[in-house]
Amino acid sequence: MGMSRNAKINTLLLLVVAALAVLPLALGLGEGKEEPFTGADAQAEAAITELKPDYEPWFTPLYEPPSGEVESALFALQAALGAGVLAYYFGVRKGRRQGAAAAAAAAGSGAPGDTRAED
C-alpha cells in the first residue's frame, strides 16, 4: 500500500526544508565572515556604515536583544506563533465546511459541493 498524495507532498516539502537548512552549511557559504548567517538588516547596516561612516539612523529599535542567539530565538518564536495562528484559522474553516456538509447531508438537501458556509 503506497503513501497518500498528501503524505508524498509533506515528505517532499520536509526534504526541501532540510536541504535549505543544511546546504549553506555544507557548501560553506557563510565562511570568511564574522557572523556568517546574520539577517539582511545587519548586512545592510554593515554596508551603509562602510559607505558612509558618519551615517546616523533615523530610528532606534524599541528593544535590542542582548545577543544574536536571543534575537534568533525571538524571531523563531514569532514565526511559530504566526504558523500556529494560520493553522488554527485554516482548521476552523475546514471544520465549519465539514460541519455544514454534514448538516446538509442530514437534512437531505444540498449537493456535496455545497459551499454556502464558506466565508
PDB file of N, CA and C in Angstrom:
ATOM      1  N   MET A   1       0.846  -1.195   0.000  1.00  0.00           N
ATOM      2  CA  MET A   1       0.000   0.000   0.000  1.00  0.00           C
ATOM      3  C   MET A   1       0.886   1.252   0.000  1.00  0.00           C
ATOM      4  N   GLY A   2       0.704   2.146  -0.973  1.00  0.00           N
ATOM      5  CA  GLY A   2       1.560   3.327  -1.099  1.00  0.00           C
ATOM      6  C   GLY A   2       1.082   4.479  -0.223  1.00  0.00           C
ATOM      7  N   MET A   3       1.889   5.523  -0.214  1.00  0.00           N
ATOM      8  CA  MET A   3       1.544   6.708   0.574  1.00  0.00           C
ATOM      9  C   MET A   3       0.457   7.505  -0.134  1.00  0.00           C
ATOM     10  N   SER A   4      -0.333   8.235   0.659  1.00  0.00           N
ATOM     11  CA  SER A   4      -1.352   9.097   0.067  1.00  0.00           C
ATOM     12  C   SER A   4      -0.665  10.293  -0.598  1.00  0.00           C
ATOM     13  N   ARG A   5      -1.406  10.995  -1.398  1.00  0.00           N
ATOM     14  CA  ARG A   5      -0.858  12.151  -2.125  1.00  0.00           C
ATOM     15  C   ARG A   5      -0.352  13.213  -1.144  1.00  0.00           C
ATOM     16  N   ASN A   6      -1.137  13.477  -0.078  1.00  0.00           N
ATOM     17  CA  ASN A   6      -0.729  14.474   0.923  1.00  0.00           C
ATOM     18  C   ASN A   6       0.551  14.063   1.630  1.00  0.00           C
ATOM     19  N   ALA A   7       0.677  12.776   1.948  1.00  0.00           N
ATOM     20  CA  ALA A   7       1.880  12.297   2.635  1.00  0.00           C
ATOM     21  C   ALA A   7       3.103  12.484   1.739  1.00  0.00           C
ATOM     22  N   LYS A   8       2.944  12.246   0.442  1.00  0.00           N
ATOM     23  CA  LYS A   8       4.056  12.426  -0.505  1.00  0.00           C
ATOM     24  C   LYS A   8       4.467  13.896  -0.566  1.00  0.00           C
ATOM     25  N   ILE A   9       3.475  14.781  -0.640  1.00  0.00           N
ATOM     26  CA  ILE A   9       3.753  16.227  -0.711  1.00  0.00           C
ATOM     27  C   ILE A   9       4.453  16.677   0.571  1.00  0.00           C
ATOM     28  N   ASN A  10       3.948  16.233   1.726  1.00  0.00           N
ATOM     29  CA  ASN A  10       4.554  16.624   3.013  1.00  0.00           C
ATOM     30  C   ASN A  10       5.986  16.127   3.122  1.00  0.00           C
ATOM     31  N   THR A  11       6.245  14.895   2.674  1.00  0.00           N
ATOM     32  CA  THR A  11       7.595  14.344   2.719  1.00  0.00           C
ATOM     33  C   THR A  11       8.522  15.154   1.823  1.00  0.00           C
ATOM     34  N   LEU A  12       8.052  15.496   0.634  1.00  0.00           N
ATOM     35  CA  LEU A  12       8.845  16.289  -0.297  1.00  0.00           C
ATOM     36  C   LEU A  12       9.169  17.663   0.290  1.00  0.00           C
ATOM     37  N   LEU A  13       8.165  18.304   0.887  1.00  0.00           N
ATOM     38  CA  LEU A  13       8.376  19.619   1.498  1.00  0.00           C
ATOM     39  C   LEU A  13       9.388  19.531   2.643  1.00  0.00           C
ATOM     40  N   LEU A  14       9.294  18.482   3.445  1.00  0.00           N
ATOM     41  CA  LEU A  14      10.243  18.286   4.543  1.00  0.00           C
ATOM     42  C   LEU A  14      11.662  18.154   4.019  1.00  0.00           C
ATOM     43  N   LEU A  15      11.825  17.394   2.936  1.00  0.00           N
ATOM     44  CA  LEU A  15      13.155  17.219   2.349  1.00  0.00           C
ATOM     45  C   LEU A  15      13.696  18.549   1.817  1.00  0.00           C
ATOM     46  N   VAL A  16      12.840  19.348   1.194  1.00  0.00           N
ATOM     47  CA  VAL A  16      13.263  20.646   0.660  1.00  0.00           C
ATOM     48  C   VAL A  16      13.709  21.564   1.801  1.00  0.00           C
ATOM     49  N   VAL A  17      12.936  21.601   2.883  1.00  0.00           N
ATOM     50  CA  VAL A  17      13.282  22.442   4.029  1.00  0.00           C
ATOM     51  C   VAL A  17      14.609  21.985   4.642  1.00  0.00           C
ATOM     52  N   ALA A  18      14.783  20.663   4.779  1.00  0.00           N
ATOM     53  CA  ALA A  18      16.029  20.135   5.326  1.00  0.00           C
ATOM     54  C   ALA A  18      17.210  20.520   4.436  1.00  0.00           C
ATOM     55  N   ALA A  19      17.026  20.422   3.112  1.00  0.00           N
ATOM     56  CA  ALA A  19      18.097  20.780   2.183  1.00  0.00           C
ATOM     57  C   ALA A  19      18.447  22.268   2.304  1.00  0.00           C
ATOM     58  N   LEU A  20      17.419  23.117   2.427  1.00  0.00           N
ATOM     59  CA  LEU A  20      17.663  24.555   2.565  1.00  0.00           C
ATOM     60  C   LEU A  20      18.426  24.867   3.852  1.00  0.00           C
ATOM     61  N   ALA A  21      18.195  24.084   4.888  1.00  0.00           N
ATOM     62  CA  ALA A  21      18.884  24.316   6.161  1.00  0.00           C
ATOM     63  C   ALA A  21      20.319  23.807   6.124  1.00  0.00           C
ATOM     64  N   VAL A  22      20.545  22.672   5.470  1.00  0.00           N
ATOM     65  CA  VAL A  22      21.852  22.013   5.523  1.00  0.00           C
ATOM     66  C   VAL A  22      22.812  22.487   4.428  1.00  0.00           C
ATOM     67  N   LEU A  23      22.298  22.731   3.221  1.00  0.00           N
ATOM     68  CA  LEU A  23      23.182  23.068   2.092  1.00  0.00           C
ATOM     69  C   LEU A  23      24.102  24.264   2.329  1.00  0.00           C
ATOM     70  N   PRO A  24      23.613  25.399   2.857  1.00  0.00           N
ATOM     71  CA  PRO A  24      24.543  26.528   3.076  1.00  0.00           C
ATOM     72  C   PRO A  24      25.694  26.152   4.010  1.00  0.00           C
ATOM     73  N   LEU A  25      25.401  25.331   5.010  1.00  0.00           N
ATOM     74  CA  LEU A  25      26.455  24.911   5.940  1.00  0.00           C
ATOM     75  C   LEU A  25      27.437  23.968   5.244  1.00  0.00           C
ATOM     76  N   ALA A  26      26.881  23.020   4.474  1.00  0.00           N
ATOM     77  CA  ALA A  26      27.723  22.029   3.799  1.00  0.00           C
ATOM     78  C   ALA A  26      28.609  22.675   2.733  1.00  0.00           C
ATOM     79  N   LEU A  27      28.074  23.673   2.034  1.00  0.00           N
ATOM     80  CA  LEU A  27      28.838  24.332   0.960  1.00  0.00           C
ATOM     81  C   LEU A  27      29.748  25.430   1.498  1.00  0.00           C
ATOM     82  N   GLY A  28      29.647  25.737   2.793  1.00  0.00           N
ATOM     83  CA  GLY A  28      30.500  26.761   3.399  1.00  0.00           C
ATOM     84  C   GLY A  28      30.208  28.152   2.882  1.00  0.00           C
ATOM     85  N   LEU A  29      28.929  28.442   2.637  1.00  0.00           N
ATOM     86  CA  LEU A  29      28.573  29.745   2.055  1.00  0.00           C
ATOM     87  C   LEU A  29      28.820  30.907   3.008  1.00  0.00           C
ATOM     88  N   GLY A  30      28.835  30.650   4.314  1.00  0.00           N
ATOM     89  CA  GLY A  30      28.995  31.753   5.261  1.00  0.00           C
ATOM     90  C   GLY A  30      30.416  31.936   5.753  1.00  0.00           C
ATOM     91  N   GLU A  31      31.372  31.180   5.218  1.00  0.00           N
ATOM     92  CA  GLU A  31      32.737  31.256   5.734  1.00  0.00           C
ATOM     93  C   GLU A  31      33.411  32.567   5.363  1.00  0.00           C
ATOM     94  N   GLY A  32      34.348  32.987   6.197  1.00  0.00           N
ATOM     95  CA  GLY A  32      35.073  34.229   5.937  1.00  0.00           C
ATOM     96  C   GLY A  32      34.368  35.437   6.489  1.00  0.00           C
ATOM     97  N   LYS A  33      33.219  35.253   7.132  1.00  0.00           N
ATOM     98  CA  LYS A  33      32.507  36.369   7.748  1.00  0.00           C
ATOM     99  C   LYS A  33      32.535  36.190   9.256  1.00  0.00           C
ATOM    100  N   GLU A  34      32.423  37.321   9.972  1.00  0.00           N
ATOM    101  CA  GLU A  34      32.438  37.257  11.432  1.00  0.00           C
ATOM    102  C   GLU A  34      31.232  36.488  11.951  1.00  0.00           C
ATOM    103  N   GLU A  35      30.042  36.931  11.543  1.00  0.00           N
ATOM    104  CA  GLU A  35      28.802  36.227  11.887  1.00  0.00           C
ATOM    105  C   GLU A  35      28.218  35.755  10.565  1.00  0.00           C
ATOM    106  N   PRO A  36      28.451  34.505  10.187  1.00  0.00           N
ATOM    107  CA  PRO A  36      28.123  34.057   8.836  1.00  0.00           C
ATOM    108  C   PRO A  36      26.650  34.142   8.441  1.00  0.00           C
ATOM    109  N   PHE A  37      25.726  33.880   9.355  1.00  0.00           N
ATOM    110  CA  PHE A  37      24.316  33.830   8.950  1.00  0.00           C
ATOM    111  C   PHE A  37      23.483  34.892   9.650  1.00  0.00           C
ATOM    112  N   THR A  38      23.916  36.155   9.516  1.00  0.00           N
ATOM    113  CA  THR A  38      23.151  37.255  10.099  1.00  0.00           C
ATOM    114  C   THR A  38      22.002  37.609   9.167  1.00  0.00           C
ATOM    115  N   GLY A  39      21.065  38.391   9.691  1.00  0.00           N
ATOM    116  CA  GLY A  39      19.918  38.796   8.890  1.00  0.00           C
ATOM    117  C   GLY A  39      20.271  39.893   7.906  1.00  0.00           C
ATOM    118  N   ALA A  40      19.342  40.178   7.016  1.00  0.00           N
ATOM    119  CA  ALA A  40      19.555  41.201   5.995  1.00  0.00           C
ATOM    120  C   ALA A  40      19.729  42.583   6.619  1.00  0.00           C
ATOM    121  N   ASP A  41      19.040  42.829   7.740  1.00  0.00           N
ATOM    122  CA  ASP A  41      19.162  44.127   8.415  1.00  0.00           C
ATOM    123  C   ASP A  41      20.601  44.392   8.828  1.00  0.00           C
ATOM    124  N   ALA A  42      21.230  43.388   9.450  1.00  0.00           N
ATOM    125  CA  ALA A  42      22.612  43.545   9.924  1.00  0.00           C
ATOM    126  C   ALA A  42      23.568  43.727   8.749  1.00  0.00           C
ATOM    127  N   GLN A  43      23.322  42.989   7.658  1.00  0.00           N
ATOM    128  CA  GLN A  43      24.185  43.114   6.476  1.00  0.00           C
ATOM    129  C   GLN A  43      24.033  44.496   5.845  1.00  0.00           C
ATOM    130  N   ALA A  44      22.807  45.005   5.798  1.00  0.00           N
ATOM    131  CA  ALA A  44      22.562  46.342   5.243  1.00  0.00           C
ATOM    132  C   ALA A  44      23.238  47.404   6.105  1.00  0.00           C
ATOM    133  N   GLU A  45      23.132  47.234   7.406  1.00  0.00           N
ATOM    134  CA  GLU A  45      23.750  48.184   8.335  1.00  0.00           C
ATOM    135  C   GLU A  45      25.269  48.215   8.138  1.00  0.00           C
ATOM    136  N   ALA A  46      25.868  47.033   7.970  1.00  0.00           N
ATOM    137  CA  ALA A  46      27.316  46.958   7.756  1.00  0.00           C
ATOM    138  C   ALA A  46      27.707  47.642   6.450  1.00  0.00           C
ATOM    139  N   ALA A  47      26.913  47.441   5.394  1.00  0.00           N
ATOM    140  CA  ALA A  47      27.209  48.046   4.093  1.00  0.00           C
ATOM    141  C   ALA A  47      27.100  49.575   4.174  1.00  0.00           C
ATOM    142  N   ILE A  48      26.083  50.070   4.872  1.00  0.00           N
ATOM    143  CA  ILE A  48      25.878  51.521   4.993  1.00  0.00           C
ATOM    144  C   ILE A  48      27.034  52.156   5.758  1.00  0.00           C
ATOM    145  N   THR A  49      27.423  51.561   6.882  1.00  0.00           N
ATOM    146  CA  THR A  49      28.499  52.159   7.678  1.00  0.00           C
ATOM    147  C   THR A  49      29.829  52.099   6.928  1.00  0.00           C
ATOM    148  N   GLU A  50      29.963  51.125   6.035  1.00  0.00           N
ATOM    149  CA  GLU A  50      31.186  51.053   5.223  1.00  0.00           C
ATOM    150  C   GLU A  50      31.217  52.202   4.209  1.00  0.00           C
ATOM    151  N   LEU A  51      30.068  52.487   3.592  1.00  0.00           N
ATOM    152  CA  LEU A  51      29.996  53.536   2.571  1.00  0.00           C
ATOM    153  C   LEU A  51      29.991  54.940   3.184  1.00  0.00           C
ATOM    154  N   LYS A  52      29.224  55.120   4.259  1.00  0.00           N
ATOM    155  CA  LYS A  52      29.127  56.426   4.918  1.00  0.00           C
ATOM    156  C   LYS A  52      29.350  56.242   6.410  1.00  0.00           C
ATOM    157  N   PRO A  53      30.618  56.373   6.858  1.00  0.00           N
ATOM    158  CA  PRO A  53      30.919  56.129   8.288  1.00  0.00           C
ATOM    159  C   PRO A  53      30.199  57.077   9.248  1.00  0.00           C
ATOM    160  N   ASP A  54      29.816  58.276   8.785  1.00  0.00           N
ATOM    161  CA  ASP A  54      29.159  59.229   9.690  1.00  0.00           C
ATOM    162  C   ASP A  54      27.631  59.139   9.630  1.00  0.00           C
ATOM    163  N   TYR A  55      27.097  58.059   9.070  1.00  0.00           N
ATOM    164  CA  TYR A  55      25.644  57.887   8.939  1.00  0.00           C
ATOM    165  C   TYR A  55      24.978  57.746  10.304  1.00  0.00           C
ATOM    166  N   GLU A  56      23.891  58.501  10.509  1.00  0.00           N
ATOM    167  CA  GLU A  56      23.102  58.399  11.740  1.00  0.00           C
ATOM    168  C   GLU A  56      21.728  57.839  11.392  1.00  0.00           C
ATOM    169  N   PRO A  57      21.328  56.698  11.983  1.00  0.00           N
ATOM    170  CA  PRO A  57      19.989  56.159  11.697  1.00  0.00           C
ATOM    171  C   PRO A  57      18.891  57.094  12.199  1.00  0.00           C
ATOM    172  N   TRP A  58      17.769  57.106  11.505  1.00  0.00           N
ATOM    173  CA  TRP A  58      16.645  57.952  11.892  1.00  0.00           C
ATOM    174  C   TRP A  58      15.958  57.415  13.134  1.00  0.00           C
ATOM    175  N   PHE A  59      15.855  56.080  13.202  1.00  0.00           N
ATOM    176  CA  PHE A  59      15.136  55.449  14.309  1.00  0.00           C
ATOM    177  C   PHE A  59      16.063  54.477  15.028  1.00  0.00           C
ATOM    178  N   THR A  60      15.763  54.253  16.299  1.00  0.00           N
ATOM    179  CA  THR A  60      16.486  53.210  17.026  1.00  0.00           C
ATOM    180  C   THR A  60      15.472  52.151  17.448  1.00  0.00           C
ATOM    181  N   PRO A  61      15.885  50.891  17.541  1.00  0.00           N
ATOM    182  CA  PRO A  61      14.935  49.832  17.926  1.00  0.00           C
ATOM    183  C   PRO A  61      14.372  50.079  19.324  1.00  0.00           C
ATOM    184  N   LEU A  62      13.101  49.676  19.522  1.00  0.00           N
ATOM    185  CA  LEU A  62      12.479  49.818  20.841  1.00  0.00           C
ATOM    186  C   LEU A  62      13.137  48.876  21.837  1.00  0.00           C
ATOM    187  N   TYR A  63      13.517  47.673  21.362  1.00  0.00           N
ATOM    188  CA  TYR A  63      14.148  46.685  22.231  1.00  0.00           C
ATOM    189  C   TYR A  63      15.321  46.056  21.488  1.00  0.00           C
ATOM    190  N   GLU A  64      16.469  46.077  22.084  1.00  0.00           N
ATOM    191  CA  GLU A  64      17.672  45.476  21.478  1.00  0.00           C
ATOM    192  C   GLU A  64      18.021  44.213  22.256  1.00  0.00           C
ATOM    193  N   PRO A  65      17.847  43.015  21.638  1.00  0.00           N
ATOM    194  CA  PRO A  65      18.160  41.773  22.358  1.00  0.00           C
ATOM    195  C   PRO A  65      19.636  41.736  22.763  1.00  0.00           C
ATOM    196  N   PRO A  66      19.937  41.084  23.904  1.00  0.00           N
ATOM    197  CA  PRO A  66      21.312  41.059  24.405  1.00  0.00           C
ATOM    198  C   PRO A  66      22.300  40.340  23.485  1.00  0.00           C
ATOM    199  N   SER A  67      21.835  39.377  22.684  1.00  0.00           N
ATOM    200  CA  SER A  67      22.762  38.674  21.790  1.00  0.00           C
ATOM    201  C   SER A  67      22.038  38.193  20.538  1.00  0.00           C
ATOM    202  N   GLY A  68      22.815  37.764  19.553  1.00  0.00           N
ATOM    203  CA  GLY A  68      22.247  37.262  18.307  1.00  0.00           C
ATOM    204  C   GLY A  68      21.411  36.021  18.516  1.00  0.00           C
ATOM    205  N   GLU A  69      21.820  35.191  19.507  1.00  0.00           N
ATOM    206  CA  GLU A  69      21.065  33.964  19.783  1.00  0.00           C
ATOM    207  C   GLU A  69      19.667  34.291  20.303  1.00  0.00           C
ATOM    208  N   VAL A  70      19.585  35.282  21.196  1.00  0.00           N
ATOM    209  CA  VAL A  70      18.290  35.679  21.746  1.00  0.00           C
ATOM    210  C   VAL A  70      17.421  36.253  20.631  1.00  0.00           C
ATOM    211  N   GLU A  71      18.036  37.059  19.768  1.00  0.00           N
ATOM    212  CA  GLU A  71      17.308  37.646  18.643  1.00  0.00           C
ATOM    213  C   GLU A  71      16.756  36.548  17.738  1.00  0.00           C
ATOM    214  N   SER A  72      17.579  35.539  17.438  1.00  0.00           N
ATOM    215  CA  SER A  72      17.138  34.415  16.613  1.00  0.00           C
ATOM    216  C   SER A  72      16.009  33.648  17.280  1.00  0.00           C
ATOM    217  N   ALA A  73      16.120  33.448  18.599  1.00  0.00           N
ATOM    218  CA  ALA A  73      15.078  32.727  19.334  1.00  0.00           C
ATOM    219  C   ALA A  73      13.753  33.487  19.283  1.00  0.00           C
ATOM    220  N   LEU A  74      13.816  34.804  19.462  1.00  0.00           N
ATOM    221  CA  LEU A  74      12.593  35.622  19.407  1.00  0.00           C
ATOM    222  C   LEU A  74      11.979  35.578  18.013  1.00  0.00           C
ATOM    223  N   PHE A  75      12.827  35.625  16.984  1.00  0.00           N
ATOM    224  CA  PHE A  75      12.330  35.557  15.606  1.00  0.00           C
ATOM    225  C   PHE A  75      11.660  34.209  15.355  1.00  0.00           C
ATOM    226  N   ALA A  76      12.281  33.117  15.835  1.00  0.00           N
ATOM    227  CA  ALA A  76      11.708  31.775  15.662  1.00  0.00           C
ATOM    228  C   ALA A  76      10.373  31.667  16.393  1.00  0.00           C
ATOM    229  N   LEU A  77      10.301  32.254  17.597  1.00  0.00           N
ATOM    230  CA  LEU A  77       9.057  32.238  18.368  1.00  0.00           C
ATOM    231  C   LEU A  77       7.957  32.989  17.623  1.00  0.00           C
ATOM    232  N   GLN A  78       8.316  34.129  17.048  1.00  0.00           N
ATOM    233  CA  GLN A  78       7.358  34.920  16.272  1.00  0.00           C
ATOM    234  C   GLN A  78       6.852  34.124  15.073  1.00  0.00           C
ATOM    235  N   ALA A  79       7.754  33.437  14.380  1.00  0.00           N
ATOM    236  CA  ALA A  79       7.373  32.628  13.225  1.00  0.00           C
ATOM    237  C   ALA A  79       6.472  31.468  13.654  1.00  0.00           C
ATOM    238  N   ALA A  80       6.791  30.833  14.779  1.00  0.00           N
ATOM    239  CA  ALA A  80       5.982  29.715  15.267  1.00  0.00           C
ATOM    240  C   ALA A  80       4.576  30.184  15.647  1.00  0.00           C
ATOM    241  N   LEU A  81       4.494  31.343  16.300  1.00  0.00           N
ATOM    242  CA  LEU A  81       3.180  31.883  16.663  1.00  0.00           C
ATOM    243  C   LEU A  81       2.351  32.187  15.412  1.00  0.00           C
ATOM    244  N   GLY A  82       2.984  32.777  14.410  1.00  0.00           N
ATOM    245  CA  GLY A  82       2.285  33.069  13.157  1.00  0.00           C
ATOM    246  C   GLY A  82       1.788  31.801  12.485  1.00  0.00           C
ATOM    247  N   ALA A  83       2.638  30.768  12.462  1.00  0.00           N
ATOM    248  CA  ALA A  83       2.246  29.492  11.856  1.00  0.00           C
ATOM    249  C   ALA A  83       1.089  28.878  12.637  1.00  0.00           C
ATOM    250  N   GLY A  84       1.130  28.990  13.972  1.00  0.00           N
ATOM    251  CA  GLY A  84       0.048  28.454  14.799  1.00  0.00           C
ATOM    252  C   GLY A  84      -1.274  29.142  14.532  1.00  0.00           C
ATOM    253  N   VAL A  85      -1.238  30.473  14.408  1.00  0.00           N
ATOM    254  CA  VAL A  85      -2.457  31.240  14.128  1.00  0.00           C
ATOM    255  C   VAL A  85      -3.028  30.848  12.772  1.00  0.00           C
ATOM    256  N   LEU A  86      -2.157  30.735  11.757  1.00  0.00           N
ATOM    257  CA  LEU A  86      -2.629  30.329  10.422  1.00  0.00           C
ATOM    258  C   LEU A  86      -3.219  28.927  10.441  1.00  0.00           C
ATOM    259  N   ALA A  87      -2.534  27.995  11.108  1.00  0.00           N
ATOM    260  CA  ALA A  87      -3.020  26.612  11.176  1.00  0.00           C
ATOM    261  C   ALA A  87      -4.380  26.568  11.876  1.00  0.00           C
ATOM    262  N   TYR A  88      -4.542  27.336  12.953  1.00  0.00           N
ATOM    263  CA  TYR A  88      -5.819  27.393  13.668  1.00  0.00           C
ATOM    264  C   TYR A  88      -6.923  27.919  12.747  1.00  0.00           C
ATOM    265  N   TYR A  89      -6.630  29.014  12.036  1.00  0.00           N
ATOM    266  CA  TYR A  89      -7.617  29.616  11.133  1.00  0.00           C
ATOM    267  C   TYR A  89      -8.077  28.626  10.065  1.00  0.00           C
ATOM    268  N   PHE A  90      -7.107  27.960   9.412  1.00  0.00           N
ATOM    269  CA  PHE A  90      -7.478  27.010   8.356  1.00  0.00           C
ATOM    270  C   PHE A  90      -8.193  25.795   8.939  1.00  0.00           C
ATOM    271  N   GLY A  91      -7.823  25.389  10.156  1.00  0.00           N
ATOM    272  CA  GLY A  91      -8.510  24.274  10.815  1.00  0.00           C
ATOM    273  C   GLY A  91      -9.958  24.614  11.105  1.00  0.00           C
ATOM    274  N   VAL A  92     -10.197  25.837  11.590  1.00  0.00           N
ATOM    275  CA  VAL A  92     -11.558  26.281  11.885  1.00  0.00           C
ATOM    276  C   VAL A  92     -12.377  26.337  10.603  1.00  0.00           C
ATOM    277  N   ARG A  93     -11.797  26.865   9.535  1.00  0.00           N
ATOM    278  CA  ARG A  93     -12.517  26.934   8.253  1.00  0.00           C
ATOM    279  C   ARG A  93     -12.896  25.550   7.759  1.00  0.00           C
ATOM    280  N   LYS A  94     -11.951  24.613   7.843  1.00  0.00           N
ATOM    281  CA  LYS A  94     -12.221  23.252   7.371  1.00  0.00           C
ATOM    282  C   LYS A  94     -13.303  22.611   8.239  1.00  0.00           C
ATOM    283  N   GLY A  95     -13.232  22.832   9.546  1.00  0.00           N
ATOM    284  CA  GLY A  95     -14.240  22.282  10.453  1.00  0.00           C
ATOM    285  C   GLY A  95     -15.622  22.819  10.145  1.00  0.00           C
ATOM    286  N   ARG A  96     -15.708  24.106   9.865  1.00  0.00           N
ATOM    287  CA  ARG A  96     -17.006  24.710   9.516  1.00  0.00           C
ATOM    288  C   ARG A  96     -17.565  24.096   8.241  1.00  0.00           C
ATOM    289  N   ARG A  97     -16.670  23.935   7.234  1.00  0.00           N
ATOM    290  CA  ARG A  97     -17.105  23.350   5.958  1.00  0.00           C
ATOM    291  C   ARG A  97     -17.613  21.932   6.155  1.00  0.00           C
ATOM    292  N   GLN A  98     -16.863  21.129   6.954  1.00  0.00           N
ATOM    293  CA  GLN A  98     -17.269  19.740   7.192  1.00  0.00           C
ATOM    294  C   GLN A  98     -18.578  19.704   7.972  1.00  0.00           C
ATOM    295  N   GLY A  99     -18.728  20.614   8.940  1.00  0.00           N
ATOM    296  CA  GLY A  99     -19.963  20.670   9.718  1.00  0.00           C
ATOM    297  C   GLY A  99     -21.147  21.038   8.847  1.00  0.00           C
ATOM    298  N   ALA A 100     -20.960  21.990   7.940  1.00  0.00           N
ATOM    299  CA  ALA A 100     -22.035  22.406   7.036  1.00  0.00           C
ATOM    300  C   ALA A 100     -22.405  21.267   6.092  1.00  0.00           C
ATOM    301  N   ALA A 101     -21.386  20.536   5.613  1.00  0.00           N
ATOM    302  CA  ALA A 101     -21.641  19.411   4.703  1.00  0.00           C
ATOM    303  C   ALA A 101     -22.403  18.313   5.432  1.00  0.00           C
ATOM    304  N   ALA A 102     -22.030  18.048   6.690  1.00  0.00           N
ATOM    305  CA  ALA A 102     -22.719  17.016   7.473  1.00  0.00           C
ATOM    306  C   ALA A 102     -24.161  17.429   7.742  1.00  0.00           C
ATOM    307  N   ALA A 103     -24.385  18.704   8.040  1.00  0.00           N
ATOM    308  CA  ALA A 103     -25.734  19.194   8.300  1.00  0.00           C
ATOM    309  C   ALA A 103     -26.593  19.092   7.040  1.00  0.00           C
ATOM    310  N   ALA A 104     -26.000  19.443   5.894  1.00  0.00           N
ATOM    311  CA  ALA A 104     -26.734  19.373   4.631  1.00  0.00           C
ATOM    312  C   ALA A 104     -27.083  17.921   4.304  1.00  0.00           C
ATOM    313  N   ALA A 105     -26.149  17.011   4.577  1.00  0.00           N
ATOM    314  CA  ALA A 105     -26.396  15.592   4.294  1.00  0.00           C
ATOM    315  C   ALA A 105     -27.491  15.058   5.216  1.00  0.00           C
ATOM    316  N   ALA A 106     -27.491  15.501   6.475  1.00  0.00           N
ATOM    317  CA  ALA A 106     -28.501  15.050   7.439  1.00  0.00           C
ATOM    318  C   ALA A 106     -29.879  15.565   7.055  1.00  0.00           C
ATOM    319  N   ALA A 107     -29.926  16.770   6.511  1.00  0.00           N
ATOM    320  CA  ALA A 107     -31.198  17.356   6.108  1.00  0.00           C
ATOM    321  C   ALA A 107     -31.667  16.788   4.771  1.00  0.00           C
ATOM    322  N   GLY A 108     -30.770  16.111   4.074  1.00  0.00           N
ATOM    323  CA  GLY A 108     -31.127  15.515   2.790  1.00  0.00           C
ATOM    324  C   GLY A 108     -31.184  16.527   1.665  1.00  0.00           C
ATOM    325  N   SER A 109     -30.590  17.694   1.884  1.00  0.00           N
ATOM    326  CA  SER A 109     -30.582  18.722   0.843  1.00  0.00           C
ATOM    327  C   SER A 109     -29.157  19.145   0.559  1.00  0.00           C
ATOM    328  N   GLY A 110     -28.961  19.773  -0.560  1.00  0.00           N
ATOM    329  CA  GLY A 110     -27.628  20.295  -0.894  1.00  0.00           C
ATOM    330  C   GLY A 110     -26.736  19.236  -1.479  1.00  0.00           C
ATOM    331  N   ALA A 111     -25.990  19.623  -2.472  1.00  0.00           N
ATOM    332  CA  ALA A 111     -25.047  18.707  -3.119  1.00  0.00           C
ATOM    333  C   ALA A 111     -23.763  18.657  -2.296  1.00  0.00           C
ATOM    334  N   PRO A 112     -22.898  17.638  -2.525  1.00  0.00           N
ATOM    335  CA  PRO A 112     -21.625  17.579  -1.796  1.00  0.00           C
ATOM    336  C   PRO A 112     -20.751  18.802  -2.029  1.00  0.00           C
ATOM    337  N   GLY A 113     -20.912  19.468  -3.143  1.00  0.00           N
ATOM    338  CA  GLY A 113     -20.113  20.643  -3.451  1.00  0.00           C
ATOM    339  C   GLY A 113     -20.702  21.930  -2.893  1.00  0.00           C
ATOM    340  N   ASP A 114     -21.638  21.836  -1.992  1.00  0.00           N
ATOM    341  CA  ASP A 114     -22.298  22.995  -1.396  1.00  0.00           C
ATOM    342  C   ASP A 114     -21.309  23.814  -0.592  1.00  0.00           C
ATOM    343  N   THR A 115     -21.149  25.101  -0.943  1.00  0.00           N
ATOM    344  CA  THR A 115     -20.141  25.922  -0.266  1.00  0.00           C
ATOM    345  C   THR A 115     -20.760  27.132   0.412  1.00  0.00           C
ATOM    346  N   ARG A 116     -21.984  27.006   0.867  1.00  0.00           N
ATOM    347  CA  ARG A 116     -22.626  28.160   1.489  1.00  0.00           C
ATOM    348  C   ARG A 116     -21.947  28.596   2.773  1.00  0.00           C
ATOM    349  N   ALA A 117     -21.334  27.674   3.530  1.00  0.00           N
ATOM    350  CA  ALA A 117     -20.748  28.004   4.828  1.00  0.00           C
ATOM    351  C   ALA A 117     -19.409  28.696   4.711  1.00  0.00           C
ATOM    352  N   GLU A 118     -18.841  28.729   3.510  1.00  0.00           N
ATOM    353  CA  GLU A 118     -17.536  29.338   3.354  1.00  0.00           C
ATOM    354  C   GLU A 118     -17.648  30.855   3.396  1.00  0.00           C
ATOM    355  N   ASP A 119     -16.704  31.517   4.073  1.00  0.00           N
ATOM    356  CA  ASP A 119     -16.744  32.996   4.153  1.00  0.00           C
ATOM    357  C   ASP A 119     -16.188  33.566   2.886  1.00  0.00           C
TER     358      ASP A 119
END
